[in-house]
Amino acid sequence: MLTLHSPMCISARLLPAVHVGDAWISIEPRGVRDNRIEWAWYVDRPGHPFGGGEGADLSTGPQHTDDEAGYREAMSALLSFLMHAAEQYRHDVDYEDESFSRALVEWAYQNDDELGMTQVELEEGGQ
């Protein structure tokens, strides 16, 4: 049984998630390739679901996916990538990211502070 602590919770997708701004960011393990766990991710906003990458879109080192630490590591990595895309967008509004849609990068830019605070909570254990 997976136990989650704040800021993680279960989303409407019934997946481990965090709530940032008006969005729910969810992740789920998809399998293992080259000794790395591959994750699908989803960002759901009212009226704006941003699809999730599957397969090699997000991967983390070998660990157990059935524990909270594995989910926290994957979520922290995803938030880090979103914040990086937001920072690039801050310096160049024509920035294109191959992993994220333009609308998602713009959303990340608008919610960069909250993404950062959530990532800190994840890395500190959030308990």
Protein backbone atom coordinates (compact mmCIF):
# COMPACT_ATOMS: atom_id res chain seq x y z
CA MET A 1 0.00 0.00 0.00
CA LEU A 2 1.38 3.37 -1.02
CA THR A 3 1.24 6.09 1.62
CA LEU A 4 1.70 9.68 0.45
CA HIS A 5 2.49 12.78 2.50
CA SER A 6 1.91 16.43 1.62
CA PRO A 7 2.35 17.91 -0.93
CA MET A 8 1.60 14.63 -2.70
CA CYS A 9 -1.92 13.26 -2.83
CA ILE A 10 -4.09 11.21 -5.17
CA SER A 11 -5.51 13.03 -8.19
CA ALA A 12 -8.80 12.53 -9.99
CA ARG A 13 -6.81 10.22 -12.28
CA LEU A 14 -6.25 8.09 -9.16
CA LEU A 15 -2.50 8.69 -9.48
CA PRO A 16 0.05 10.28 -7.14
CA ALA A 17 -0.06 14.02 -7.81
CA VAL A 18 0.64 17.54 -6.63
CA HIS A 19 -1.60 20.58 -6.99
CA VAL A 20 0.07 23.67 -8.45
CA GLY A 21 -1.94 26.76 -9.35
CA ASP A 22 -5.07 25.52 -11.08
CA ALA A 23 -3.46 22.26 -12.22
CA TRP A 24 -3.00 18.73 -10.99
CA ILE A 25 0.30 17.17 -12.00
CA SER A 26 0.16 13.37 -11.89
CA ILE A 27 2.73 10.66 -12.58
CA GLU A 28 2.65 6.90 -13.02
CA PRO A 29 5.35 4.32 -13.63
CA ARG A 30 5.23 2.74 -17.10
CA GLY A 31 8.01 0.18 -16.88
CA VAL A 32 11.76 -0.23 -16.80
CA ARG A 33 14.19 0.24 -19.68
CA ASP A 34 17.98 0.20 -19.41
CA ASN A 35 17.65 -0.15 -15.63
CA ARG A 36 15.73 3.15 -15.45
CA ILE A 37 12.10 3.57 -14.45
CA GLU A 38 10.03 5.29 -17.13
CA TRP A 39 7.16 7.51 -16.08
CA ALA A 40 4.08 8.92 -17.76
CA TRP A 41 3.02 12.34 -16.59
CA TYR A 42 -0.14 14.42 -16.90
CA VAL A 43 -0.94 18.05 -16.21
CA ASP A 44 -4.66 18.62 -15.91
CA ARG A 45 -6.19 22.09 -15.75
CA PRO A 46 -9.86 22.98 -15.99
CA GLY A 47 -10.56 22.82 -19.71
CA HIS A 48 -6.86 22.31 -20.58
CA PRO A 49 -5.48 18.81 -20.17
CA PHE A 50 -1.83 18.81 -21.19
CA GLY A 51 -1.00 15.34 -22.31
CA GLY A 52 1.59 13.29 -20.70
CA GLY A 53 4.67 11.86 -22.12
CA GLU A 54 4.96 8.14 -22.00
CA GLY A 55 7.92 5.86 -22.23
CA ALA A 56 11.27 7.61 -22.25
CA ASP A 57 9.67 11.02 -21.73
CA LEU A 58 10.65 10.99 -18.05
CA SER A 59 12.91 8.46 -16.43
CA THR A 60 14.65 8.08 -13.10
CA GLY A 61 17.32 5.80 -11.76
CA PRO A 62 16.56 2.35 -10.43
CA GLN A 63 14.41 2.34 -7.32
CA HIS A 64 11.20 0.85 -6.06
CA THR A 65 8.18 2.55 -7.58
CA ASP A 66 5.88 1.23 -4.90
CA ASP A 67 7.26 3.57 -2.26
CA GLU A 68 6.72 7.26 -1.75
CA ALA A 69 10.41 8.11 -2.26
CA GLY A 70 10.28 6.84 -5.85
CA TYR A 71 7.24 8.93 -6.65
CA ARG A 72 8.74 12.01 -4.97
CA GLU A 73 11.95 11.65 -7.00
CA ALA A 74 10.03 11.34 -10.27
CA MET A 75 7.71 14.25 -9.44
CA SER A 76 10.65 16.43 -8.39
CA ALA A 77 12.40 15.66 -11.69
CA LEU A 78 9.28 16.58 -13.67
CA LEU A 79 8.86 19.86 -11.78
CA SER A 80 12.54 20.63 -12.38
CA PHE A 81 12.09 20.16 -16.14
CA LEU A 82 8.99 22.37 -16.11
CA MET A 83 10.85 25.10 -14.20
CA HIS A 84 13.77 24.87 -16.63
CA ALA A 85 11.38 25.32 -19.57
CA ALA A 86 9.77 28.29 -17.77
CA GLU A 87 13.20 29.88 -17.22
CA GLN A 88 14.09 29.48 -20.90
CA TYR A 89 10.73 31.01 -21.84
CA ARG A 90 11.43 33.93 -19.47
CA HIS A 91 14.53 34.79 -21.53
CA ASP A 92 13.06 33.99 -24.95
CA VAL A 93 9.28 33.99 -25.47
CA ASP A 94 9.84 32.19 -28.77
CA TYR A 95 11.45 29.29 -26.91
CA GLU A 96 10.25 25.89 -28.11
CA ASP A 97 10.58 22.83 -25.91
CA GLU A 98 10.48 19.36 -27.44
CA SER A 99 9.00 17.80 -24.29
CA PHE A 100 6.27 20.31 -23.47
CA SER A 101 3.66 22.18 -25.49
CA ARG A 102 3.93 25.96 -25.72
CA ALA A 103 0.76 26.33 -23.62
CA LEU A 104 2.26 24.16 -20.87
CA VAL A 105 5.53 26.14 -20.91
CA GLU A 106 3.56 29.39 -20.62
CA TRP A 107 1.58 27.91 -17.71
CA ALA A 108 4.85 26.81 -16.03
CA TYR A 109 6.23 30.33 -16.49
CA GLN A 110 3.14 31.81 -14.81
CA ASN A 111 3.38 29.29 -11.94
CA ASP A 112 7.17 29.09 -11.61
CA ASP A 113 7.28 30.21 -7.95
CA GLU A 114 4.69 27.66 -6.86
CA LEU A 115 6.42 24.92 -8.87
CA GLY A 116 9.64 25.76 -7.01
CA MET A 117 7.99 25.76 -3.59
CA THR A 118 6.34 22.42 -4.33
CA GLN A 119 9.64 20.94 -5.45
CA VAL A 120 11.32 22.08 -2.22
CA GLU A 121 8.51 20.45 -0.21
CA LEU A 122 9.00 17.22 -2.13
CA GLU A 123 12.74 17.20 -1.58
CA GLU A 124 12.39 17.97 2.14
CA GLY A 125 10.07 15.03 2.63
CA GLY A 126 6.88 17.07 2.94
CA GLN A 127 5.89 15.53 6.26
